[in-house]
Each structure stands twice: as C-alpha cells, then as structure tokens.
N, C-alpha and C. Protein backbone atom coordinates (compact mmCIF):
# COMPACT_ATOMS: atom_id res chain seq x y z
N UNK A 1 -1.30 11.05 20.50
CA UNK A 1 -0.37 10.78 19.36
C UNK A 1 0.54 11.95 19.17
N UNK A 2 1.86 11.78 19.27
CA UNK A 2 2.71 12.53 18.88
C UNK A 2 3.10 12.82 17.31
N UNK A 3 3.09 13.95 17.00
CA UNK A 3 3.01 14.04 15.33
C UNK A 3 4.73 14.25 15.14
N UNK A 4 5.28 13.86 14.02
CA UNK A 4 6.55 13.97 13.72
C UNK A 4 6.68 14.69 12.21
N UNK A 5 7.63 15.35 12.02
CA UNK A 5 7.99 16.00 10.81
C UNK A 5 8.83 15.34 9.96
N UNK A 6 8.80 14.96 8.79
CA UNK A 6 9.41 14.41 7.66
C UNK A 6 9.77 15.38 6.76
N UNK A 7 11.12 15.42 6.39
CA UNK A 7 11.44 16.36 5.30
C UNK A 7 12.04 15.53 4.15
N UNK A 8 11.67 15.87 3.02
CA UNK A 8 12.06 14.95 1.97
C UNK A 8 12.45 16.30 0.65
N UNK A 9 13.64 15.91 0.20
CA UNK A 9 14.22 16.85 -0.61
C UNK A 9 13.70 16.28 -2.01
N UNK A 10 13.16 17.32 -3.04
CA UNK A 10 12.90 16.85 -4.33
C UNK A 10 13.15 18.03 -5.26
N UNK A 11 13.62 17.65 -6.50
CA UNK A 11 14.11 18.89 -7.41
C UNK A 11 12.83 19.48 -7.80
N UNK A 12 12.98 20.67 -8.45
CA UNK A 12 12.04 21.73 -8.63
C UNK A 12 10.93 21.10 -9.37
N UNK A 13 11.33 20.47 -10.43
CA UNK A 13 10.21 20.08 -11.43
C UNK A 13 9.28 19.03 -10.73
N UNK A 14 9.72 18.13 -10.05
CA UNK A 14 9.08 17.21 -9.15
C UNK A 14 8.10 17.75 -8.23
N UNK A 15 8.81 18.57 -7.51
CA UNK A 15 7.62 19.31 -6.41
C UNK A 15 6.68 20.09 -7.24
N UNK A 16 7.04 20.49 -8.30
CA UNK A 16 6.02 21.45 -9.25
C UNK A 16 4.78 20.39 -9.75
N UNK A 17 5.33 19.28 -10.11
CA UNK A 17 4.46 18.39 -10.43
C UNK A 17 3.35 17.79 -9.29
N UNK A 18 4.01 17.48 -8.26
CA UNK A 18 3.34 17.07 -6.87
C UNK A 18 2.45 18.46 -6.51
N UNK A 19 2.68 19.53 -6.66
CA UNK A 19 2.04 20.55 -6.20
C UNK A 19 0.91 20.84 -7.11
N UNK A 20 0.91 20.70 -8.43
CA UNK A 20 0.13 20.77 -9.33
C UNK A 20 -1.23 19.56 -9.11
N UNK A 21 -0.62 18.52 -8.63
CA UNK A 21 -1.48 17.32 -8.73
C UNK A 21 -2.36 17.77 -7.51
N UNK A 22 -1.68 17.98 -6.42
CA UNK A 22 -2.31 18.60 -5.18
C UNK A 22 -3.56 19.46 -5.48
N UNK A 23 -3.02 20.74 -6.21
CA UNK A 23 -4.20 21.80 -6.45
C UNK A 23 -5.49 21.15 -7.23
N UNK A 24 -5.09 20.24 -8.14
CA UNK A 24 -6.30 19.71 -9.10
C UNK A 24 -7.04 18.97 -8.19
N UNK A 25 -6.74 18.36 -6.78
CA UNK A 25 -7.25 17.50 -5.84
C UNK A 25 -7.81 18.27 -4.75
N UNK A 26 -7.68 19.64 -5.06
CA UNK A 26 -8.13 20.82 -3.70
C UNK A 26 -7.56 20.31 -2.55
N UNK A 27 -6.28 20.19 -2.54
CA UNK A 27 -5.75 19.91 -1.33
C UNK A 27 -4.12 20.37 -1.16
N UNK A 28 -3.83 20.34 -0.16
CA UNK A 28 -2.34 21.01 0.19
C UNK A 28 -1.24 19.97 -0.20
N UNK A 29 -0.14 20.35 -0.48
CA UNK A 29 0.96 19.48 -0.73
C UNK A 29 0.99 18.32 0.21
N UNK A 30 0.94 18.99 1.51
CA UNK A 30 1.35 18.06 2.55
C UNK A 30 0.33 17.08 2.78
N UNK A 31 -1.23 17.46 2.61
CA UNK A 31 -2.14 16.52 2.61
C UNK A 31 -2.01 15.35 1.66
N UNK A 32 -1.67 15.88 0.31
CA UNK A 32 -1.55 14.92 -0.94
C UNK A 32 -0.39 13.92 -0.37
N UNK A 33 0.67 14.51 0.17
CA UNK A 33 1.56 13.33 0.52
C UNK A 33 1.27 12.35 1.59
N UNK A 34 0.70 13.02 2.58
CA UNK A 34 0.16 11.96 3.76
C UNK A 34 -0.66 11.02 3.11
N UNK A 35 -1.52 11.41 2.37
CA UNK A 35 -2.44 10.40 1.64
C UNK A 35 -1.78 9.55 0.74
N UNK A 36 -0.92 10.04 -0.22
CA UNK A 36 0.01 9.06 -1.08
C UNK A 36 0.60 8.16 -0.09
N UNK A 37 1.58 8.42 1.05
CA UNK A 37 2.24 7.52 1.80
C UNK A 37 1.43 6.53 2.53
N UNK A 38 0.08 6.82 2.93
CA UNK A 38 -0.77 5.93 3.64
C UNK A 38 -1.26 5.03 2.61
N UNK A 39 -1.70 5.13 1.36
CA UNK A 39 -1.99 4.47 0.41
C UNK A 39 -0.81 3.13 0.10
N UNK A 40 0.48 4.10 0.00
CA UNK A 40 1.66 2.82 -0.19
C UNK A 40 1.50 2.07 0.72
N UNK A 41 1.64 2.63 2.00
CA UNK A 41 1.77 1.76 3.37
C UNK A 41 0.65 0.62 3.30
N UNK A 42 -0.34 1.10 2.85
CA UNK A 42 -1.77 -0.24 2.81
C UNK A 42 -1.32 -1.10 1.74
N UNK A 43 -0.78 -1.03 0.90
CA UNK A 43 -0.41 -1.70 -0.39
C UNK A 43 0.66 -2.84 0.08
N UNK A 44 1.68 -2.32 0.90
CA UNK A 44 2.87 -3.06 1.38
C UNK A 44 2.60 -4.41 2.06
N UNK A 45 3.02 -5.74 1.87
CA UNK A 45 2.70 -6.84 2.32
C UNK A 45 2.95 -6.61 3.75
N UNK A 46 2.12 -7.28 4.75
CA UNK A 46 2.36 -7.14 6.15
C UNK A 46 3.29 -8.28 6.53
N UNK A 47 3.06 -9.55 5.70
CA UNK A 47 4.00 -10.46 6.15
C UNK A 47 5.34 -10.51 4.99
N UNK A 48 6.34 -11.26 5.61
CA UNK A 48 7.49 -11.47 4.58
C UNK A 48 7.15 -12.62 4.04
N UNK A 49 7.90 -12.62 3.03
CA UNK A 49 8.15 -13.96 2.17
C UNK A 49 8.30 -15.28 2.86
N UNK A 50 8.95 -15.19 3.83
CA UNK A 50 9.27 -16.54 4.55
C UNK A 50 8.04 -16.54 5.39
N UNK A 51 7.47 -15.91 5.84
CA UNK A 51 5.92 -16.16 6.68
C UNK A 51 4.98 -16.69 5.65
N UNK A 52 4.93 -15.78 4.63
CA UNK A 52 3.85 -16.38 3.77
C UNK A 52 4.39 -18.02 3.27
N UNK A 53 5.38 -18.06 2.97
CA UNK A 53 5.66 -19.51 2.66
C UNK A 53 5.42 -20.49 3.69
N UNK A 54 5.74 -20.04 4.93
CA UNK A 54 5.42 -20.95 6.10
C UNK A 54 4.17 -21.40 6.17
N UNK A 55 3.10 -20.32 5.97
CA UNK A 55 1.52 -20.56 6.25
C UNK A 55 1.22 -21.40 5.00
N UNK A 56 1.76 -21.52 3.80
CA UNK A 56 1.27 -22.22 2.68
C UNK A 56 1.98 -23.66 2.87
N UNK A 57 3.17 -23.91 3.65
CA UNK A 57 3.63 -25.40 3.99
C UNK A 57 2.77 -25.71 4.93
N UNK A 58 2.06 -24.79 5.96
CA UNK A 58 1.35 -25.60 7.17
C UNK A 58 0.03 -26.04 6.49
N UNK A 59 -0.71 -25.05 5.58
CA UNK A 59 -1.72 -25.33 4.90
C UNK A 59 -1.75 -26.79 4.08
N UNK A 60 -0.62 -27.12 3.46
CA UNK A 60 -0.61 -28.20 2.65
C UNK A 60 -0.56 -29.61 3.54
N UNK A 61 -0.22 -29.35 5.04
CA UNK A 61 -0.41 -30.55 5.55
C UNK A 61 -2.01 -31.08 6.18
N UNK A 62 -2.59 -30.34 5.83
CA UNK A 62 -4.14 -30.71 5.96
C UNK A 62 -4.61 -31.67 4.81
N UNK A 63 -5.36 -32.29 5.14
CA UNK A 63 -6.35 -33.04 4.15
C UNK A 63 -7.86 -32.72 4.32
N UNK A 64 -8.20 -32.44 3.06
CA UNK A 64 -9.81 -32.10 2.93
C UNK A 64 -10.33 -32.91 1.85
N UNK A 65 -11.57 -33.00 2.04
CA UNK A 65 -12.25 -33.86 0.82
C UNK A 65 -12.36 -32.95 -0.29
N UNK A 66 -12.20 -33.65 -1.21
CA UNK A 66 -12.49 -33.05 -2.66
C UNK A 66 -13.45 -33.61 -3.48
N UNK A 67 -13.53 -33.33 -4.54
CA UNK A 67 -14.53 -34.19 -5.43
C UNK A 67 -14.17 -33.59 -6.90
N UNK A 68 -14.65 -34.25 -7.83
CA UNK A 68 -14.44 -33.93 -9.10
C UNK A 68 -15.20 -32.70 -9.41
N UNK A 69 -14.34 -31.82 -9.97
CA UNK A 69 -14.82 -30.42 -10.57
C UNK A 69 -16.14 -30.52 -11.03
N UNK A 70 -16.23 -31.05 -12.18
CA UNK A 70 -17.51 -30.90 -12.91
C UNK A 70 -18.60 -31.51 -12.43
N UNK A 71 -18.29 -32.43 -11.25
CA UNK A 71 -19.62 -32.90 -10.45
C UNK A 71 -20.20 -31.92 -9.76
N UNK A 72 -19.03 -31.26 -9.14
CA UNK A 72 -19.38 -30.21 -8.18
C UNK A 72 -20.17 -28.91 -8.68
N UNK A 73 -19.52 -28.55 -10.03
CA UNK A 73 -20.41 -27.39 -10.80
C UNK A 73 -21.78 -27.83 -11.23
N UNK A 74 -21.74 -29.11 -11.64
CA UNK A 74 -23.25 -29.47 -11.84
C UNK A 74 -24.25 -29.69 -10.70
N UNK A 75 -23.54 -30.04 -9.29
CA UNK A 75 -24.38 -29.84 -8.20
C UNK A 75 -24.99 -28.36 -7.88
N UNK A 76 -23.82 -27.38 -8.22
CA UNK A 76 -24.20 -25.98 -7.76
C UNK A 76 -25.20 -25.73 -8.86
N UNK A 77 -25.04 -25.88 -9.87
CA UNK A 77 -26.12 -25.30 -10.96
C UNK A 77 -27.41 -26.25 -10.71
N UNK A 78 -27.49 -27.48 -10.16
CA UNK A 78 -28.62 -28.05 -9.94
C UNK A 78 -29.54 -27.18 -8.74
N UNK A 79 -28.61 -26.81 -7.68
CA UNK A 79 -29.02 -26.10 -6.57
C UNK A 79 -29.57 -24.94 -6.97
N UNK A 80 -29.10 -24.16 -8.05
CA UNK A 80 -29.64 -22.89 -8.35
C UNK A 80 -31.11 -23.01 -9.09
N UNK A 81 -30.95 -24.06 -10.15
CA UNK A 81 -32.14 -24.35 -10.65
C UNK A 81 -33.40 -24.83 -9.63
N UNK A 82 -32.91 -25.65 -8.60
CA UNK A 82 -33.95 -26.01 -7.72
C UNK A 82 -34.62 -24.96 -6.95
N UNK A 83 -33.70 -23.82 -6.72
CA UNK A 83 -33.96 -22.55 -5.75
C UNK A 83 -34.81 -21.62 -6.68
N UNK A 84 -34.55 -21.83 -8.00
CA UNK A 84 -35.56 -20.78 -8.93
C UNK A 84 -36.68 -21.57 -9.07
N UNK A 85 -37.02 -22.72 -8.81
CA UNK A 85 -38.44 -22.96 -9.04
C UNK A 85 -39.43 -23.09 -7.59
N UNK A 86 -38.63 -22.62 -6.48
CA UNK A 86 -39.48 -22.49 -5.26
C UNK A 86 -39.77 -20.95 -5.56
C-alpha cells in the first residue's frame, strides 16, 4: 500500500490545542490526526440518502404476518415464565 502525505493548514491556537490533546493521549500529532480521521470516516454514512430511501421503498413492498403487540408481548412473557420453571 502506498502512503500519501496530507498537508493541513491550522492557525497556531488550533494546532497547539491538537498538540496538547495528542500529548495527553501519549501520541504524536500525526497519530492523533490519523485516528481522528479514521473515526470520522467510520461515522460517515456509506449510502446516499437516495440509496437509503430506495431500500425503504423496496422493504415496504413486502408483506409479513403481524399480530397484536399486546398478544405478542404476553406470549413472550409466558415463554419466559415457562423457561424459568424448567
């Protein structure tokens, strides 16, 4: 894998804040920045709004059996109780 250099211009106060944060975490500024960028990338949605809406549209085309929520919760509770007795 080939490495690439990224240059970012910061004002002195911002750089000093990042440097102090990196030092508190016992890492270099470069490592702190790499970790921060990885974290930000991981939080970024991988699908566009259009792709997510299309997935919802497709899901609404399906029909699944449903039941009354109170009945389903009562069945679950009965199942737990029966399991506790055994």
